[in-house]
Amino acid sequence: MSWLNTPDPIAGNAASCDPVETIVVPRTSDLGGFSVRRALPSARRRMVGPFIFFDQVGPAELLVGGGIDVRPHPHIGLATVTYLFEGEMYHRDSLGTEIAITPGALNWMSAGKGIVHSERERAERRLEKRPLFGLQSWVALPKHLEEGAPAFQHFGTDEQPEFSDKGASVKLIAGALYGHKAPVQTASDMFYADVSLEPGAKIPLDAGWQERGLYTVSGQISIAGQSFEPARLLVFKPGDHLVVENNALEPARFVLLGGEPMDGRRYIWWNFVSSSKERIEQAKEDWRLGRFDTVPGDAEEFIPLPDR
């Protein structure tokens, strides 16, 4: 049986023909040399499953001397998930981790009760023009793990499940989907996948997940007769079967994301996520007073607590 099989829409049933509940158009910020599109959180949608933050970085061509230079900063209550299509970032954190993030690899940093990290570029890469294009998201941690020990996981592009059928190709970044499971250890039931469709190809999305989203990366896709351009976050109605199609003449790329709803409300302020407002206030004070650990090899600079 093909993993593409899915029930057809029911004629005359509007719900089965229009599974899109919300469309989020990301707000764009210019960071000098490259742009960032933020889809989550937004006024239209705060979370999709455990995903509470979702940025598209680029696509851009970085000039000589410029580029990524994010000084050490703290996190609590979340896992940062970095996945690149093009380019490179260099990750350091207060656990002592130092690693280059390359296209197709996964960086999963669980902050727990507190971690500090920086995202920069290696000096030799700044000597020439280079591309940058990727996604960074945050996954909120369940309440019982919010104060857990920080941890770091990295998986190269060849360590993640990849499979294809009838012009649809999938790389599973995290969680479980289409009968496959990614090696990264997650804190909750979820899925996150990089999908490409050749012209004329299609792929279903399992209706079993309570919260499901799709972020368009490149090309054009169609769902229930509606077409969607790049840089759109689509959130689907629970329980509806849907099929994503590429009816255009060029390949299309998107990511699928979501999972089960979180165990209660989450608050987000700057780089902090928690089920408790009081815990966020404590994290703010801890960063202000220098109580977080420092990043070995990158301890001279830091991002001050915002005055807001």
C-alpha atoms as a PDB file:
ATOM      1  CA  MET A   1       0.000   0.000   0.000  1.00  0.00           C
ATOM      2  CA  SER A   2       1.335   3.456  -0.891  1.00  0.00           C
ATOM      3  CA  TRP A   3       1.845   5.830   2.031  1.00  0.00           C
ATOM      4  CA  LEU A   4       0.132   8.443  -0.175  1.00  0.00           C
ATOM      5  CA  ASN A   5      -3.286   6.789   0.118  1.00  0.00           C
ATOM      6  CA  THR A   6      -5.943   8.918   1.806  1.00  0.00           C
ATOM      7  CA  PRO A   7      -9.748   9.169   1.710  1.00  0.00           C
ATOM      8  CA  ASP A   8     -11.118  11.417  -1.014  1.00  0.00           C
ATOM      9  CA  PRO A   9     -13.084  14.586  -0.096  1.00  0.00           C
ATOM     10  CA  ILE A  10     -16.809  13.992   0.250  1.00  0.00           C
ATOM     11  CA  ALA A  11     -18.855  15.640  -2.486  1.00  0.00           C
ATOM     12  CA  GLY A  12     -21.107  18.374  -1.086  1.00  0.00           C
ATOM     13  CA  ASN A  13     -19.389  18.393   2.303  1.00  0.00           C
ATOM     14  CA  ALA A  14     -17.806  21.838   2.709  1.00  0.00           C
ATOM     15  CA  ALA A  15     -15.777  20.804   5.749  1.00  0.00           C
ATOM     16  CA  SER A  16     -14.103  17.986   3.867  1.00  0.00           C
ATOM     17  CA  CYS A  17     -13.282  20.298   0.953  1.00  0.00           C
ATOM     18  CA  ASP A  18     -11.859  23.256   2.907  1.00  0.00           C
ATOM     19  CA  PRO A  19      -9.620  22.018   5.721  1.00  0.00           C
ATOM     20  CA  VAL A  20      -7.710  25.294   6.179  1.00  0.00           C
ATOM     21  CA  GLU A  21      -8.709  26.987   9.451  1.00  0.00           C
ATOM     22  CA  THR A  22      -6.201  29.868   9.642  1.00  0.00           C
ATOM     23  CA  ILE A  23      -3.718  31.499   7.272  1.00  0.00           C
ATOM     24  CA  VAL A  24      -0.876  33.456   8.884  1.00  0.00           C
ATOM     25  CA  VAL A  25       1.107  35.914   6.741  1.00  0.00           C
ATOM     26  CA  PRO A  26       4.425  36.342   8.605  1.00  0.00           C
ATOM     27  CA  ARG A  27       5.560  39.808   9.591  1.00  0.00           C
ATOM     28  CA  THR A  28       8.949  40.686   8.114  1.00  0.00           C
ATOM     29  CA  SER A  29      11.897  42.335   9.857  1.00  0.00           C
ATOM     30  CA  ASP A  30      15.090  43.542   8.205  1.00  0.00           C
ATOM     31  CA  LEU A  31      18.109  42.614  10.321  1.00  0.00           C
ATOM     32  CA  GLY A  32      20.647  44.274   8.034  1.00  0.00           C
ATOM     33  CA  GLY A  33      21.757  42.065   5.186  1.00  0.00           C
ATOM     34  CA  PHE A  34      18.945  39.538   5.579  1.00  0.00           C
ATOM     35  CA  SER A  35      15.269  39.432   6.478  1.00  0.00           C
ATOM     36  CA  VAL A  36      13.373  37.352   9.030  1.00  0.00           C
ATOM     37  CA  ARG A  37       9.720  36.366   8.607  1.00  0.00           C
ATOM     38  CA  ARG A  38       7.943  35.517  11.876  1.00  0.00           C
ATOM     39  CA  ALA A  39       4.882  33.281  11.613  1.00  0.00           C
ATOM     40  CA  LEU A  40       4.548  32.344  15.314  1.00  0.00           C
ATOM     41  CA  PRO A  41       3.477  33.779  17.609  1.00  0.00           C
ATOM     42  CA  SER A  42       0.977  35.959  15.747  1.00  0.00           C
ATOM     43  CA  ALA A  43      -2.304  37.692  16.457  1.00  0.00           C
ATOM     44  CA  ARG A  44      -4.086  34.978  14.481  1.00  0.00           C
ATOM     45  CA  ARG A  45      -2.364  31.996  16.072  1.00  0.00           C
ATOM     46  CA  ARG A  46      -0.201  31.600  19.170  1.00  0.00           C
ATOM     47  CA  MET A  47       0.847  27.952  18.847  1.00  0.00           C
ATOM     48  CA  VAL A  48       0.557  24.870  16.630  1.00  0.00           C
ATOM     49  CA  GLY A  49       0.989  21.777  18.777  1.00  0.00           C
ATOM     50  CA  PRO A  50       4.135  22.462  20.843  1.00  0.00           C
ATOM     51  CA  PHE A  51       5.474  25.011  18.324  1.00  0.00           C
ATOM     52  CA  ILE A  52       5.329  28.454  19.950  1.00  0.00           C
ATOM     53  CA  PHE A  53       7.810  30.352  17.755  1.00  0.00           C
ATOM     54  CA  PHE A  54       8.564  30.003  14.046  1.00  0.00           C
ATOM     55  CA  ASP A  55      10.952  32.159  11.987  1.00  0.00           C
ATOM     56  CA  GLN A  56      12.078  31.961   8.379  1.00  0.00           C
ATOM     57  CA  VAL A  57      15.582  33.387   7.948  1.00  0.00           C
ATOM     58  CA  GLY A  58      16.420  34.552   4.393  1.00  0.00           C
ATOM     59  CA  PRO A  59      16.819  33.565   1.637  1.00  0.00           C
ATOM     60  CA  ALA A  60      19.689  36.010   1.393  1.00  0.00           C
ATOM     61  CA  GLU A  61      23.204  36.432   0.097  1.00  0.00           C
ATOM     62  CA  LEU A  62      25.446  37.623   2.898  1.00  0.00           C
ATOM     63  CA  LEU A  63      28.140  40.085   1.954  1.00  0.00           C
ATOM     64  CA  VAL A  64      31.820  39.925   2.842  1.00  0.00           C
ATOM     65  CA  GLY A  65      32.280  40.880   6.483  1.00  0.00           C
ATOM     66  CA  GLY A  66      28.573  40.810   7.374  1.00  0.00           C
ATOM     67  CA  GLY A  67      26.359  37.969   8.441  1.00  0.00           C
ATOM     68  CA  ILE A  68      25.019  36.133  11.473  1.00  0.00           C
ATOM     69  CA  ASP A  69      26.349  37.483  14.765  1.00  0.00           C
ATOM     70  CA  VAL A  70      23.920  36.732  17.599  1.00  0.00           C
ATOM     71  CA  ARG A  71      25.630  37.328  20.940  1.00  0.00           C
ATOM     72  CA  PRO A  72      25.062  35.001  23.943  1.00  0.00           C
ATOM     73  CA  HIS A  73      21.497  35.107  25.241  1.00  0.00           C
ATOM     74  CA  PRO A  74      19.391  32.934  27.593  1.00  0.00           C
ATOM     75  CA  HIS A  75      16.390  30.603  27.231  1.00  0.00           C
ATOM     76  CA  ILE A  76      14.120  28.728  29.627  1.00  0.00           C
ATOM     77  CA  GLY A  77      11.177  26.354  29.169  1.00  0.00           C
ATOM     78  CA  LEU A  78      11.677  25.557  25.486  1.00  0.00           C
ATOM     79  CA  ALA A  79      13.743  23.712  22.905  1.00  0.00           C
ATOM     80  CA  THR A  80      15.255  25.650  20.014  1.00  0.00           C
ATOM     81  CA  VAL A  81      15.065  23.821  16.684  1.00  0.00           C
ATOM     82  CA  THR A  82      17.396  25.070  13.932  1.00  0.00           C
ATOM     83  CA  TYR A  83      17.195  23.676  10.379  1.00  0.00           C
ATOM     84  CA  LEU A  84      18.943  25.226   7.371  1.00  0.00           C
ATOM     85  CA  PHE A  85      18.303  24.925   3.634  1.00  0.00           C
ATOM     86  CA  GLU A  86      21.420  26.911   2.711  1.00  0.00           C
ATOM     87  CA  GLY A  87      24.387  28.428   4.522  1.00  0.00           C
ATOM     88  CA  GLU A  88      25.873  27.788   7.941  1.00  0.00           C
ATOM     89  CA  MET A  89      25.584  28.958  11.551  1.00  0.00           C
ATOM     90  CA  TYR A  90      28.059  28.269  14.342  1.00  0.00           C
ATOM     91  CA  HIS A  91      26.438  27.264  17.625  1.00  0.00           C
ATOM     92  CA  ARG A  92      28.021  27.595  21.081  1.00  0.00           C
ATOM     93  CA  ASP A  93      26.224  27.086  24.388  1.00  0.00           C
ATOM     94  CA  SER A  94      26.788  27.063  28.140  1.00  0.00           C
ATOM     95  CA  LEU A  95      27.031  23.254  28.123  1.00  0.00           C
ATOM     96  CA  GLY A  96      30.284  23.631  26.206  1.00  0.00           C
ATOM     97  CA  THR A  97      28.824  22.636  22.830  1.00  0.00           C
ATOM     98  CA  GLU A  98      30.524  24.019  19.723  1.00  0.00           C
ATOM     99  CA  ILE A  99      29.234  22.906  16.329  1.00  0.00           C
ATOM    100  CA  ALA A 100      28.562  24.212  12.832  1.00  0.00           C
ATOM    101  CA  ILE A 101      24.956  23.859  11.665  1.00  0.00           C
ATOM    102  CA  THR A 102      24.927  22.915   7.976  1.00  0.00           C
ATOM    103  CA  PRO A 103      22.076  22.411   5.468  1.00  0.00           C
ATOM    104  CA  GLY A 104      19.813  19.492   6.313  1.00  0.00           C
ATOM    105  CA  ALA A 105      21.264  18.987   9.808  1.00  0.00           C
ATOM    106  CA  LEU A 106      19.219  19.430  12.976  1.00  0.00           C
ATOM    107  CA  ASN A 107      20.210  21.356  16.111  1.00  0.00           C
ATOM    108  CA  TRP A 108      17.879  20.655  19.036  1.00  0.00           C
ATOM    109  CA  MET A 109      18.776  22.577  22.202  1.00  0.00           C
ATOM    110  CA  SER A 110      16.544  21.993  25.209  1.00  0.00           C
ATOM    111  CA  ALA A 111      16.788  24.912  27.626  1.00  0.00           C
ATOM    112  CA  GLY A 112      14.908  23.397  30.559  1.00  0.00           C
ATOM    113  CA  LYS A 113      15.617  25.499  33.663  1.00  0.00           C
ATOM    114  CA  GLY A 114      18.105  27.648  31.762  1.00  0.00           C
ATOM    115  CA  ILE A 115      20.739  27.706  29.034  1.00  0.00           C
ATOM    116  CA  VAL A 116      22.762  30.373  27.207  1.00  0.00           C
ATOM    117  CA  HIS A 117      23.896  30.157  23.579  1.00  0.00           C
ATOM    118  CA  SER A 118      25.246  32.216  20.707  1.00  0.00           C
ATOM    119  CA  GLU A 119      24.786  31.915  16.950  1.00  0.00           C
ATOM    120  CA  ARG A 120      27.565  33.379  14.871  1.00  0.00           C
ATOM    121  CA  GLU A 121      29.609  32.571  11.789  1.00  0.00           C
ATOM    122  CA  ARG A 122      33.136  31.259  11.536  1.00  0.00           C
ATOM    123  CA  ALA A 123      35.640  33.965  10.573  1.00  0.00           C
ATOM    124  CA  GLU A 124      36.727  32.194   7.383  1.00  0.00           C
ATOM    125  CA  ARG A 125      33.180  32.184   6.029  1.00  0.00           C
ATOM    126  CA  ARG A 126      32.968  35.964   6.306  1.00  0.00           C
ATOM    127  CA  LEU A 127      35.707  36.338   3.689  1.00  0.00           C
ATOM    128  CA  GLU A 128      33.328  35.715   0.776  1.00  0.00           C
ATOM    129  CA  LYS A 129      29.696  36.076  -0.242  1.00  0.00           C
ATOM    130  CA  ARG A 130      27.515  33.172   0.880  1.00  0.00           C
ATOM    131  CA  PRO A 131      23.857  32.163   1.047  1.00  0.00           C
ATOM    132  CA  LEU A 132      21.660  31.934   4.128  1.00  0.00           C
ATOM    133  CA  PHE A 133      18.228  30.316   4.180  1.00  0.00           C
ATOM    134  CA  GLY A 134      16.579  28.341   6.940  1.00  0.00           C
ATOM    135  CA  LEU A 135      14.077  27.963   9.741  1.00  0.00           C
ATOM    136  CA  GLN A 136      14.324  28.431  13.472  1.00  0.00           C
ATOM    137  CA  SER A 137      11.499  27.384  15.738  1.00  0.00           C
ATOM    138  CA  TRP A 138      10.891  26.935  19.434  1.00  0.00           C
ATOM    139  CA  VAL A 139       9.042  23.988  20.926  1.00  0.00           C
ATOM    140  CA  ALA A 140       7.500  24.562  24.351  1.00  0.00           C
ATOM    141  CA  LEU A 141       8.361  21.961  26.980  1.00  0.00           C
ATOM    142  CA  PRO A 142       5.703  20.102  29.009  1.00  0.00           C
ATOM    143  CA  LYS A 143       5.223  21.401  32.547  1.00  0.00           C
ATOM    144  CA  HIS A 144       7.069  18.490  34.158  1.00  0.00           C
ATOM    145  CA  LEU A 145      10.171  19.223  32.030  1.00  0.00           C
ATOM    146  CA  GLU A 146      10.221  23.026  32.193  1.00  0.00           C
ATOM    147  CA  GLU A 147      12.719  22.932  35.060  1.00  0.00           C
ATOM    148  CA  GLY A 148      14.690  19.959  33.743  1.00  0.00           C
ATOM    149  CA  ALA A 149      18.403  19.926  32.997  1.00  0.00           C
ATOM    150  CA  PRO A 150      19.422  21.645  29.740  1.00  0.00           C
ATOM    151  CA  ALA A 151      20.557  19.348  26.912  1.00  0.00           C
ATOM    152  CA  PHE A 152      21.779  19.464  23.335  1.00  0.00           C
ATOM    153  CA  GLN A 153      21.253  17.115  20.381  1.00  0.00           C
ATOM    154  CA  HIS A 154      22.652  17.318  16.854  1.00  0.00           C
ATOM    155  CA  PHE A 155      21.880  15.060  13.894  1.00  0.00           C
ATOM    156  CA  GLY A 156      23.535  15.312  10.505  1.00  0.00           C
ATOM    157  CA  THR A 157      21.498  15.294   7.314  1.00  0.00           C
ATOM    158  CA  ASP A 158      22.356  11.627   6.712  1.00  0.00           C
ATOM    159  CA  GLU A 159      21.048  10.590  10.150  1.00  0.00           C
ATOM    160  CA  GLN A 160      17.422  11.595   9.544  1.00  0.00           C
ATOM    161  CA  PRO A 161      14.820   9.411   7.811  1.00  0.00           C
ATOM    162  CA  GLU A 162      14.233  10.250   4.142  1.00  0.00           C
ATOM    163  CA  PHE A 163      11.662   8.580   1.917  1.00  0.00           C
ATOM    164  CA  SER A 164       9.829   9.277  -1.330  1.00  0.00           C
ATOM    165  CA  ASP A 165       6.895   8.049  -3.405  1.00  0.00           C
ATOM    166  CA  LYS A 166       5.408   9.224  -6.700  1.00  0.00           C
ATOM    167  CA  GLY A 167       7.240  12.566  -6.801  1.00  0.00           C
ATOM    168  CA  ALA A 168       6.796  13.370  -3.105  1.00  0.00           C
ATOM    169  CA  SER A 169       9.975  13.406  -0.988  1.00  0.00           C
ATOM    170  CA  VAL A 170      10.075  13.723   2.800  1.00  0.00           C
ATOM    171  CA  LYS A 171      12.882  14.289   5.296  1.00  0.00           C
ATOM    172  CA  LEU A 172      11.623  13.741   8.833  1.00  0.00           C
ATOM    173  CA  ILE A 173      13.253  16.354  11.067  1.00  0.00           C
ATOM    174  CA  ALA A 174      11.598  15.471  14.387  1.00  0.00           C
ATOM    175  CA  GLY A 175       8.827  13.314  15.772  1.00  0.00           C
ATOM    176  CA  ALA A 176       6.855  10.698  13.851  1.00  0.00           C
ATOM    177  CA  LEU A 177       5.034  10.806  10.512  1.00  0.00           C
ATOM    178  CA  TYR A 178       4.077   8.384   7.708  1.00  0.00           C
ATOM    179  CA  GLY A 179       5.212   5.385   9.751  1.00  0.00           C
ATOM    180  CA  HIS A 180       8.719   6.774  10.318  1.00  0.00           C
ATOM    181  CA  LYS A 181      10.336   8.219  13.446  1.00  0.00           C
ATOM    182  CA  ALA A 182      13.197  10.721  13.653  1.00  0.00           C
ATOM    183  CA  PRO A 183      16.128   9.963  15.998  1.00  0.00           C
ATOM    184  CA  VAL A 184      15.953  13.224  17.974  1.00  0.00           C
ATOM    185  CA  GLN A 185      14.456  12.817  21.438  1.00  0.00           C
ATOM    186  CA  THR A 186      11.460  15.132  21.806  1.00  0.00           C
ATOM    187  CA  ALA A 187       9.577  16.067  24.953  1.00  0.00           C
ATOM    188  CA  SER A 188       6.075  15.621  23.497  1.00  0.00           C
ATOM    189  CA  ASP A 189       4.202  13.907  20.662  1.00  0.00           C
ATOM    190  CA  MET A 190       4.862  15.987  17.552  1.00  0.00           C
ATOM    191  CA  PHE A 191       5.941  15.985  13.921  1.00  0.00           C
ATOM    192  CA  TYR A 192       8.213  18.213  11.839  1.00  0.00           C
ATOM    193  CA  ALA A 193       9.089  17.348   8.243  1.00  0.00           C
ATOM    194  CA  ASP A 194      10.738  18.909   5.173  1.00  0.00           C
ATOM    195  CA  VAL A 195       8.658  18.005   2.101  1.00  0.00           C
ATOM    196  CA  SER A 196       9.282  18.490  -1.624  1.00  0.00           C
ATOM    197  CA  LEU A 197       6.722  17.879  -4.377  1.00  0.00           C
ATOM    198  CA  GLU A 198       7.569  17.534  -8.045  1.00  0.00           C
ATOM    199  CA  PRO A 199       5.045  19.017 -10.518  1.00  0.00           C
ATOM    200  CA  GLY A 200       1.914  16.867 -10.457  1.00  0.00           C
ATOM    201  CA  ALA A 201       2.789  15.171  -7.152  1.00  0.00           C
ATOM    202  CA  LYS A 202       0.640  15.143  -4.004  1.00  0.00           C
ATOM    203  CA  ILE A 203       0.834  14.025  -0.383  1.00  0.00           C
ATOM    204  CA  PRO A 204      -1.759  13.535   2.407  1.00  0.00           C
ATOM    205  CA  LEU A 205      -1.479  14.721   5.999  1.00  0.00           C
ATOM    206  CA  ASP A 206      -2.605  12.358   8.739  1.00  0.00           C
ATOM    207  CA  ALA A 207      -5.878  13.499  10.313  1.00  0.00           C
ATOM    208  CA  GLY A 208      -4.980  11.820  13.613  1.00  0.00           C
ATOM    209  CA  TRP A 209      -3.003  14.766  14.962  1.00  0.00           C
ATOM    210  CA  GLN A 210      -5.014  17.348  16.891  1.00  0.00           C
ATOM    211  CA  GLU A 211      -3.028  20.381  15.681  1.00  0.00           C
ATOM    212  CA  ARG A 212      -1.473  20.463  12.201  1.00  0.00           C
ATOM    213  CA  GLY A 213       0.257  23.206  10.253  1.00  0.00           C
ATOM    214  CA  LEU A 214       2.108  23.702   6.978  1.00  0.00           C
ATOM    215  CA  TYR A 215       4.621  26.419   6.158  1.00  0.00           C
ATOM    216  CA  THR A 216       5.253  27.121   2.472  1.00  0.00           C
ATOM    217  CA  VAL A 217       8.945  27.541   1.611  1.00  0.00           C
ATOM    218  CA  SER A 218       9.128  27.738  -2.196  1.00  0.00           C
ATOM    219  CA  GLY A 219       6.952  27.087  -5.228  1.00  0.00           C
ATOM    220  CA  GLN A 220       3.164  26.920  -5.129  1.00  0.00           C
ATOM    221  CA  ILE A 221       0.917  24.309  -3.537  1.00  0.00           C
ATOM    222  CA  SER A 222      -2.821  23.629  -3.720  1.00  0.00           C
ATOM    223  CA  ILE A 223      -5.151  22.327  -1.008  1.00  0.00           C
ATOM    224  CA  ALA A 224      -8.854  21.722  -1.686  1.00  0.00           C
ATOM    225  CA  GLY A 225      -8.727  23.909  -4.800  1.00  0.00           C
ATOM    226  CA  GLN A 226      -6.948  26.835  -3.107  1.00  0.00           C
ATOM    227  CA  SER A 227      -3.427  27.861  -4.115  1.00  0.00           C
ATOM    228  CA  PHE A 228      -0.832  29.151  -1.672  1.00  0.00           C
ATOM    229  CA  GLU A 229       2.401  31.034  -2.336  1.00  0.00           C
ATOM    230  CA  PRO A 230       5.639  30.917  -0.315  1.00  0.00           C
ATOM    231  CA  ALA A 231       5.930  32.291   3.246  1.00  0.00           C
ATOM    232  CA  ARG A 232       2.461  31.303   4.478  1.00  0.00           C
ATOM    233  CA  LEU A 233       1.617  29.347   7.609  1.00  0.00           C
ATOM    234  CA  LEU A 234      -1.537  27.282   7.124  1.00  0.00           C
ATOM    235  CA  VAL A 235      -3.258  25.821  10.182  1.00  0.00           C
ATOM    236  CA  PHE A 236      -5.768  23.057   9.525  1.00  0.00           C
ATOM    237  CA  LYS A 237      -9.019  22.045  11.151  1.00  0.00           C
ATOM    238  CA  PRO A 238      -8.715  19.026  13.434  1.00  0.00           C
ATOM    239  CA  GLY A 239     -10.019  15.743  12.045  1.00  0.00           C
ATOM    240  CA  ASP A 240     -10.210  16.794   8.398  1.00  0.00           C
ATOM    241  CA  HIS A 241      -8.446  14.712   5.784  1.00  0.00           C
ATOM    242  CA  LEU A 242      -6.410  16.819   3.398  1.00  0.00           C
ATOM    243  CA  VAL A 243      -4.143  16.394   0.409  1.00  0.00           C
ATOM    244  CA  VAL A 244      -1.382  18.830  -0.563  1.00  0.00           C
ATOM    245  CA  GLU A 245      -0.833  19.006  -4.327  1.00  0.00           C
ATOM    246  CA  ASN A 246       1.620  20.665  -6.681  1.00  0.00           C
ATOM    247  CA  ASN A 247      -0.332  21.640  -9.780  1.00  0.00           C
ATOM    248  CA  ALA A 248       2.310  24.127 -10.939  1.00  0.00           C
ATOM    249  CA  LEU A 249       5.159  23.643 -13.401  1.00  0.00           C
ATOM    250  CA  GLU A 250       7.941  24.068 -10.820  1.00  0.00           C
ATOM    251  CA  PRO A 251       8.839  21.990  -7.745  1.00  0.00           C
ATOM    252  CA  ALA A 252       7.350  23.055  -4.405  1.00  0.00           C
ATOM    253  CA  ARG A 253       8.805  22.822  -0.905  1.00  0.00           C
ATOM    254  CA  PHE A 254       7.156  23.175   2.494  1.00  0.00           C
ATOM    255  CA  VAL A 255       7.411  21.937   6.066  1.00  0.00           C
ATOM    256  CA  LEU A 256       4.736  20.089   8.012  1.00  0.00           C
ATOM    257  CA  LEU A 257       4.562  20.774  11.745  1.00  0.00           C
ATOM    258  CA  GLY A 258       2.331  20.181  14.739  1.00  0.00           C
ATOM    259  CA  GLY A 259       1.364  17.650  17.353  1.00  0.00           C
ATOM    260  CA  GLU A 260      -0.780  17.339  20.415  1.00  0.00           C
ATOM    261  CA  PRO A 261      -1.937  20.495  22.265  1.00  0.00           C
ATOM    262  CA  MET A 262       0.180  21.644  25.191  1.00  0.00           C
ATOM    263  CA  ASP A 263      -0.761  20.865  28.782  1.00  0.00           C
ATOM    264  CA  GLY A 264      -2.019  24.355  29.520  1.00  0.00           C
ATOM    265  CA  ARG A 265      -1.296  27.941  28.551  1.00  0.00           C
ATOM    266  CA  ARG A 266       2.214  29.133  27.801  1.00  0.00           C
ATOM    267  CA  TYR A 267       3.570  32.654  28.316  1.00  0.00           C
ATOM    268  CA  ILE A 268       6.358  34.021  26.153  1.00  0.00           C
ATOM    269  CA  TRP A 269       8.543  37.051  26.856  1.00  0.00           C
ATOM    270  CA  TRP A 270      11.736  37.714  24.893  1.00  0.00           C
ATOM    271  CA  ASN A 271      13.610  34.372  24.938  1.00  0.00           C
ATOM    272  CA  PHE A 272      11.683  32.882  27.842  1.00  0.00           C
ATOM    273  CA  VAL A 273       8.726  30.470  27.700  1.00  0.00           C
ATOM    274  CA  SER A 274       6.897  29.150  30.744  1.00  0.00           C
ATOM    275  CA  SER A 275       3.536  28.063  32.106  1.00  0.00           C
ATOM    276  CA  SER A 276       4.142  30.584  34.918  1.00  0.00           C
ATOM    277  CA  LYS A 277       4.405  34.362  34.663  1.00  0.00           C
ATOM    278  CA  GLU A 278       6.294  34.368  37.957  1.00  0.00           C
ATOM    279  CA  ARG A 279       8.934  32.000  36.512  1.00  0.00           C
ATOM    280  CA  ILE A 280       9.508  34.380  33.603  1.00  0.00           C
ATOM    281  CA  GLU A 281       9.954  37.275  36.038  1.00  0.00           C
ATOM    282  CA  GLN A 282      12.536  35.199  37.907  1.00  0.00           C
ATOM    283  CA  ALA A 283      14.398  34.423  34.650  1.00  0.00           C
ATOM    284  CA  LYS A 284      14.475  38.128  33.792  1.00  0.00           C
ATOM    285  CA  GLU A 285      16.004  38.923  37.177  1.00  0.00           C
ATOM    286  CA  ASP A 286      18.492  36.048  36.891  1.00  0.00           C
ATOM    287  CA  TRP A 287      19.737  37.300  33.513  1.00  0.00           C
ATOM    288  CA  ARG A 288      19.904  40.892  34.731  1.00  0.00           C
ATOM    289  CA  LEU A 289      22.047  39.834  37.712  1.00  0.00           C
ATOM    290  CA  GLY A 290      24.310  37.455  35.763  1.00  0.00           C
ATOM    291  CA  ARG A 291      23.078  34.239  37.386  1.00  0.00           C
ATOM    292  CA  PHE A 292      22.950  32.204  34.160  1.00  0.00           C
ATOM    293  CA  ASP A 293      25.964  30.148  33.083  1.00  0.00           C
ATOM    294  CA  THR A 294      28.306  31.641  30.485  1.00  0.00           C
ATOM    295  CA  VAL A 295      29.271  30.255  27.068  1.00  0.00           C
ATOM    296  CA  PRO A 296      32.843  28.862  27.000  1.00  0.00           C
ATOM    297  CA  GLY A 297      34.798  30.581  24.249  1.00  0.00           C
ATOM    298  CA  ASP A 298      32.147  33.296  23.870  1.00  0.00           C
ATOM    299  CA  ALA A 299      31.782  34.844  27.313  1.00  0.00           C
ATOM    300  CA  GLU A 300      32.905  38.410  26.696  1.00  0.00           C
ATOM    301  CA  GLU A 301      29.695  39.652  25.083  1.00  0.00           C
ATOM    302  CA  PHE A 302      25.991  39.167  25.775  1.00  0.00           C
ATOM    303  CA  ILE A 303      22.602  40.576  24.813  1.00  0.00           C
ATOM    304  CA  PRO A 304      21.256  42.738  27.659  1.00  0.00           C
ATOM    305  CA  LEU A 305      17.750  42.202  28.979  1.00  0.00           C
ATOM    306  CA  PRO A 306      15.357  44.283  26.850  1.00  0.00           C
ATOM    307  CA  ASP A 307      13.891  47.349  28.498  1.00  0.00           C
ATOM    308  CA  ARG A 308      10.267  46.504  27.827  1.00  0.00           C
END
